[in-house]
Amino acid sequence: MRYPAGLPITIKAMDADLHQMLADSGQGICAKARIIAHFQHGALLYFDSIKVAAYISTARRGLLPMQVVASSTVLESLSTAELESELTMPLSSNRGLRIFQLADGMKNLWLDQSVLEKSWAAASIRRFLAGHSNGGGLGKWEEVFSPDWRWARALSADVNEDAKLMAGLLGRGEGSTPAGDDMLIGAAAVHFMMSAKSGSSVQAQRSKLWLSKLNSLSAAFELRTTTASCTYLRAACRGRFASHLIGVLRAALSGRDDFLSAACVRLSRHGRTSGSDALAGAALALGGLI
């Protein structure tokens, strides 16, 4: 089935950054997008006016940066639409559209030195992953968490490393969001949490340096990885992360293994291995800051 040009759809909510970008582009009360990929739980849209991809799905599996939220009925109808079908959607809150702000989830969220010294959170995430599956998108967990895994230093804020090793993770792996990208995003969330703490601790400075390296690679995102990953990596550079990843960070600060395990379960349900790979990136980043 090919939908008519400009098919109007009803949406429930939209990420604040995406809404602002569309409003600034002069879209008026409605925005246009093309369907560029179908997934089990939604679809990937592309907004030509701002050259940005956005995932459309329900909020059942949490909220993502640059996400559009729709009902299961709308998603079911979209699943029959051909690729490149054009859609229009309202931008006005007067039509019942809710705007959500993922940046709020990172406010007042920072790592304390005592949490790092205990190394509890990193070890707990590693135990969860080992019990949850054999491995992620870049290999078995025993290999990923071995001391000599080559990509670990790209995630752990080693000040002696340049950006080349980090760039090697971009686009590494299969799928719409390759595992290397998911790991970078998981690590970025940890480094944002570390760098948000006031003061000039060694760990905070290392995390700030790591984030500056990731940001320096932003021009290469489109050349090295997928359209969807570009969206999430750019969001990570701005401190925007999936709500379930933020949930893992909050649980990591709680000191309660049951809270962290439950948060890990929720994030691990993202994609085939995307959530698990993000968890691995977070664990390696935490371990590297100790």
Protein backbone atom coordinates (compact mmCIF):
# COMPACT_ATOMS: atom_id res chain seq x y z
CA MET A 1 0.00 0.00 0.00
CA ARG A 2 1.27 3.49 -0.82
CA TYR A 3 -0.23 6.29 1.19
CA PRO A 4 -1.33 9.52 -0.49
CA ALA A 5 1.22 12.34 -0.38
CA GLY A 6 1.07 14.21 2.89
CA LEU A 7 -1.00 11.62 4.73
CA PRO A 8 -2.03 13.26 8.04
CA ILE A 9 -1.40 11.21 11.19
CA THR A 10 -2.27 11.84 14.82
CA ILE A 11 0.65 11.81 17.22
CA LYS A 12 0.64 11.93 21.01
CA ALA A 13 4.01 13.43 21.88
CA MET A 14 7.30 14.68 20.44
CA ASP A 15 10.80 15.25 21.79
CA ALA A 16 11.37 18.91 22.66
CA ASP A 17 14.56 19.23 20.63
CA LEU A 18 12.88 17.80 17.53
CA HIS A 19 9.85 20.04 18.01
CA GLN A 20 12.06 23.13 18.35
CA MET A 21 14.11 22.27 15.25
CA LEU A 22 10.95 21.81 13.19
CA ALA A 23 9.42 25.03 14.50
CA ASP A 24 12.63 26.94 13.73
CA SER A 25 12.64 25.58 10.18
CA GLY A 26 9.38 27.35 9.44
CA GLN A 27 7.19 24.25 9.25
CA GLY A 28 4.15 26.09 10.57
CA ILE A 29 1.49 24.07 12.37
CA CYS A 30 2.37 20.81 10.62
CA ALA A 31 5.59 18.99 9.74
CA LYS A 32 6.31 16.63 6.84
CA ALA A 33 8.35 13.44 7.03
CA ARG A 34 9.12 10.35 4.94
CA ILE A 35 9.10 6.74 6.13
CA ILE A 36 12.59 5.40 5.47
CA ALA A 37 12.55 2.14 7.47
CA HIS A 38 10.15 -0.20 9.25
CA PHE A 39 10.90 -1.93 12.55
CA GLN A 40 9.06 -4.40 14.76
CA HIS A 41 7.82 -1.72 17.14
CA GLY A 42 7.74 1.37 14.93
CA ALA A 43 9.28 3.13 11.96
CA LEU A 44 12.08 5.53 11.14
CA LEU A 45 11.04 8.89 9.72
CA TYR A 46 13.17 11.44 7.93
CA PHE A 47 12.45 15.17 8.08
CA ASP A 48 13.99 16.67 4.95
CA SER A 49 13.51 20.24 6.18
CA ILE A 50 15.98 19.70 9.04
CA LYS A 51 17.86 16.64 7.69
CA VAL A 52 17.13 14.59 10.80
CA ALA A 53 15.82 11.06 11.33
CA ALA A 54 13.34 10.29 14.11
CA TYR A 55 11.88 7.07 15.47
CA ILE A 56 8.10 6.85 15.75
CA SER A 57 6.67 4.33 18.20
CA THR A 58 4.59 4.05 21.35
CA ALA A 59 6.10 5.09 24.69
CA ARG A 60 5.82 1.53 25.99
CA ARG A 61 9.57 0.93 25.70
CA GLY A 62 10.55 4.30 27.07
CA LEU A 63 11.34 7.57 25.34
CA LEU A 64 14.21 8.21 22.93
CA PRO A 65 15.92 11.41 21.79
CA MET A 66 14.18 12.93 18.76
CA GLN A 67 11.27 10.49 19.13
CA VAL A 68 7.70 10.88 17.90
CA VAL A 69 5.12 9.04 20.00
CA ALA A 70 1.96 7.63 18.44
CA SER A 71 -0.73 5.14 19.38
CA SER A 72 -0.48 1.44 18.53
CA THR A 73 -3.38 1.96 16.11
CA VAL A 74 -1.47 4.60 14.16
CA LEU A 75 1.67 2.47 14.11
CA GLU A 76 -0.28 -0.51 12.82
CA SER A 77 -1.56 1.57 9.92
CA LEU A 78 1.93 2.89 9.18
CA SER A 79 3.34 -0.63 9.06
CA THR A 80 1.53 -1.18 5.76
CA ALA A 81 2.83 2.01 4.16
CA GLU A 82 5.54 1.75 1.54
CA LEU A 83 8.93 3.26 2.14
CA GLU A 84 9.19 6.90 1.06
CA SER A 85 5.50 7.47 1.84
CA GLU A 86 5.10 11.06 3.04
CA LEU A 87 3.33 11.94 6.28
CA THR A 88 2.24 15.16 7.92
CA MET A 89 1.85 15.65 11.66
CA PRO A 90 0.71 18.52 13.89
CA LEU A 91 3.21 20.68 15.76
CA SER A 92 0.71 22.64 17.84
CA SER A 93 0.12 21.73 21.48
CA ASN A 94 -3.40 23.06 20.98
CA ARG A 95 -4.11 19.83 19.14
CA GLY A 96 -3.26 17.69 22.13
CA LEU A 97 0.43 17.25 21.35
CA ARG A 98 2.66 16.78 24.39
CA ILE A 99 6.31 17.88 24.34
CA PHE A 100 8.77 15.88 26.43
CA GLN A 101 12.24 17.03 27.46
CA LEU A 102 14.84 14.28 28.01
CA ALA A 103 17.44 16.83 29.14
CA ASP A 104 15.47 17.16 32.39
CA GLY A 105 16.35 13.57 33.25
CA MET A 106 20.05 14.43 33.52
CA LYS A 107 19.54 17.38 35.86
CA ASN A 108 21.01 17.01 39.36
CA LEU A 109 22.50 13.71 38.31
CA TRP A 110 26.21 13.27 38.96
CA LEU A 111 28.64 10.62 40.11
CA ASP A 112 30.13 10.82 43.55
CA GLN A 113 33.73 9.74 44.13
CA SER A 114 32.57 7.18 46.70
CA VAL A 115 30.41 5.47 44.08
CA LEU A 116 33.42 5.09 41.80
CA GLU A 117 35.65 3.78 44.56
CA LYS A 118 33.17 1.04 45.44
CA SER A 119 32.99 0.06 41.74
CA TRP A 120 29.63 -1.47 42.65
CA ALA A 121 27.61 -0.20 39.69
CA ALA A 122 30.06 -1.33 36.99
CA ALA A 123 30.34 -4.80 38.54
CA SER A 124 26.56 -5.08 38.92
CA ILE A 125 25.92 -4.20 35.28
CA ARG A 126 28.53 -6.72 34.17
CA ARG A 127 26.90 -9.44 36.28
CA PHE A 128 23.52 -8.59 34.81
CA LEU A 129 24.80 -8.83 31.24
CA ALA A 130 26.59 -12.14 31.90
CA GLY A 131 23.37 -13.62 33.25
CA HIS A 132 21.17 -12.06 30.58
CA SER A 133 22.93 -13.22 27.38
CA ASN A 134 26.17 -14.62 26.04
CA GLY A 135 27.22 -11.38 24.41
CA GLY A 136 26.35 -8.28 22.44
CA GLY A 137 26.90 -6.93 18.99
CA LEU A 138 30.70 -6.91 19.23
CA GLY A 139 31.31 -10.29 20.81
CA LYS A 140 30.87 -12.37 23.94
CA TRP A 141 30.81 -10.53 27.25
CA GLU A 142 33.85 -12.38 28.54
CA GLU A 143 35.78 -10.92 25.63
CA VAL A 144 34.28 -7.42 25.89
CA PHE A 145 35.10 -7.20 29.60
CA SER A 146 38.54 -8.77 29.36
CA PRO A 147 41.45 -6.45 30.30
CA ASP A 148 42.91 -6.54 26.79
CA TRP A 149 39.74 -5.83 24.76
CA ARG A 150 40.98 -3.25 22.28
CA TRP A 151 37.93 -0.97 22.31
CA ALA A 152 37.68 -0.58 26.08
CA ARG A 153 40.05 2.40 26.14
CA ALA A 154 37.82 4.22 23.63
CA LEU A 155 35.09 4.26 26.28
CA SER A 156 37.02 4.84 29.48
CA ALA A 157 38.30 8.42 29.20
CA ASP A 158 41.96 7.56 28.91
CA VAL A 159 43.55 10.99 28.50
CA ASN A 160 46.47 9.46 26.59
CA GLU A 161 44.24 8.29 23.77
CA ASP A 162 43.40 10.38 20.74
CA ALA A 163 40.08 10.27 18.90
CA LYS A 164 41.17 7.60 16.40
CA LEU A 165 40.32 4.68 18.65
CA MET A 166 36.94 6.21 19.46
CA ALA A 167 36.30 6.75 15.75
CA GLY A 168 36.94 3.05 15.20
CA LEU A 169 33.78 2.24 17.13
CA LEU A 170 31.58 4.44 14.93
CA GLY A 171 29.40 2.23 12.76
CA ARG A 172 31.08 -0.94 14.04
CA GLY A 173 28.55 -3.76 14.08
CA GLU A 174 25.30 -4.52 12.31
CA GLY A 175 21.77 -3.17 12.38
CA SER A 176 20.13 0.24 12.33
CA THR A 177 22.20 1.31 15.35
CA PRO A 178 25.52 -0.61 15.27
CA ALA A 179 26.86 -1.94 18.57
CA GLY A 180 29.87 0.38 18.58
CA ASP A 181 27.56 3.40 18.46
CA ASP A 182 25.37 2.02 21.24
CA MET A 183 28.45 1.51 23.41
CA LEU A 184 29.61 5.06 22.76
CA ILE A 185 26.20 6.38 23.76
CA GLY A 186 26.18 4.33 26.97
CA ALA A 187 29.64 5.63 27.81
CA ALA A 188 28.65 9.20 26.93
CA ALA A 189 25.82 9.07 29.46
CA VAL A 190 28.29 8.10 32.21
CA HIS A 191 30.75 10.80 31.21
CA PHE A 192 28.02 13.45 31.18
CA MET A 193 27.02 12.35 34.66
CA MET A 194 30.65 12.52 35.81
CA SER A 195 31.39 15.88 34.19
CA ALA A 196 28.25 17.46 35.66
CA LYS A 197 29.72 17.38 39.16
CA SER A 198 31.04 20.75 40.27
CA GLY A 199 34.75 21.05 40.95
CA SER A 200 37.76 19.94 39.02
CA SER A 201 38.36 16.32 40.04
CA VAL A 202 40.61 14.26 37.82
CA GLN A 203 37.69 12.05 36.84
CA ALA A 204 35.48 15.02 35.92
CA GLN A 205 38.23 16.50 33.76
CA ARG A 206 38.83 13.16 32.04
CA SER A 207 35.12 12.84 31.29
CA LYS A 208 34.98 16.36 29.86
CA LEU A 209 37.92 15.53 27.63
CA TRP A 210 36.24 12.32 26.49
CA LEU A 211 33.07 14.20 25.60
CA SER A 212 35.03 16.81 23.67
CA LYS A 213 36.62 14.00 21.64
CA LEU A 214 33.23 12.52 20.81
CA ASN A 215 31.96 15.93 19.79
CA SER A 216 35.02 16.43 17.57
CA LEU A 217 33.93 13.37 15.58
CA SER A 218 30.42 14.69 14.87
CA ALA A 219 31.29 15.69 11.31
CA ALA A 220 32.21 12.06 10.62
CA PHE A 221 28.99 10.53 11.95
CA GLU A 222 27.21 10.57 8.58
CA LEU A 223 30.24 9.07 6.82
CA ARG A 224 30.80 6.25 9.28
CA THR A 225 27.44 5.07 10.54
CA THR A 226 23.69 4.80 9.93
CA THR A 227 21.08 7.53 9.73
CA ALA A 228 19.46 6.41 12.99
CA SER A 229 22.77 6.26 14.84
CA CYS A 230 23.66 9.76 13.65
CA THR A 231 20.54 11.06 15.37
CA TYR A 232 21.33 9.36 18.68
CA LEU A 233 25.04 10.19 18.65
CA ARG A 234 24.32 13.87 18.02
CA ALA A 235 21.78 13.79 20.82
CA ALA A 236 24.39 12.22 23.11
CA CYS A 237 26.78 15.07 22.31
CA ARG A 238 24.08 17.42 23.65
CA GLY A 239 23.48 15.32 26.78
CA ARG A 240 20.22 13.76 25.55
CA PHE A 241 19.74 10.08 26.30
CA ALA A 242 16.97 7.48 26.26
CA SER A 243 14.76 7.53 29.35
CA HIS A 244 15.65 3.92 30.20
CA LEU A 245 19.38 4.71 30.00
CA ILE A 246 18.81 7.65 32.35
CA GLY A 247 16.97 5.19 34.58
CA VAL A 248 20.07 3.00 34.73
CA LEU A 249 22.20 5.98 35.76
CA ARG A 250 19.79 6.92 38.52
CA ALA A 251 19.65 3.33 39.75
CA ALA A 252 23.47 3.20 39.70
CA LEU A 253 23.51 6.03 42.23
CA SER A 254 20.97 4.36 44.51
CA GLY A 255 23.33 1.71 45.86
CA ARG A 256 20.55 -0.87 45.50
CA ASP A 257 21.20 -3.87 43.34
CA ASP A 258 17.48 -4.61 42.86
CA PHE A 259 16.88 -1.09 41.47
CA LEU A 260 19.81 -1.35 39.09
CA SER A 261 18.87 -4.84 37.92
CA ALA A 262 15.31 -3.73 37.14
CA ALA A 263 16.61 -0.70 35.22
CA CYS A 264 19.02 -2.92 33.27
CA VAL A 265 16.15 -5.23 32.29
CA ARG A 266 14.18 -2.31 30.86
CA LEU A 267 17.12 -0.98 28.83
CA SER A 268 18.15 -4.44 27.62
CA ARG A 269 14.81 -4.76 25.84
CA HIS A 270 15.80 -2.04 23.36
CA GLY A 271 16.47 -3.62 19.98
CA ARG A 272 18.18 -6.97 19.45
CA THR A 273 21.35 -6.00 21.35
CA SER A 274 21.25 -2.18 21.39
CA GLY A 275 20.19 -1.85 25.02
CA SER A 276 22.71 -4.44 26.18
CA ASP A 277 25.50 -2.80 24.19
CA ALA A 278 24.65 0.57 25.76
CA LEU A 279 24.84 -1.09 29.18
CA ALA A 280 28.26 -2.54 28.31
CA GLY A 281 29.50 0.89 27.23
CA ALA A 282 28.27 2.38 30.51
CA ALA A 283 29.95 -0.37 32.54
CA LEU A 284 33.27 0.07 30.75
CA ALA A 285 33.11 3.85 31.20
CA LEU A 286 32.38 3.46 34.91
CA GLY A 287 35.21 0.97 35.29
CA GLY A 288 37.61 3.23 33.46
CA LEU A 289 36.95 6.14 35.84
CA ILE A 290 37.89 4.21 38.95
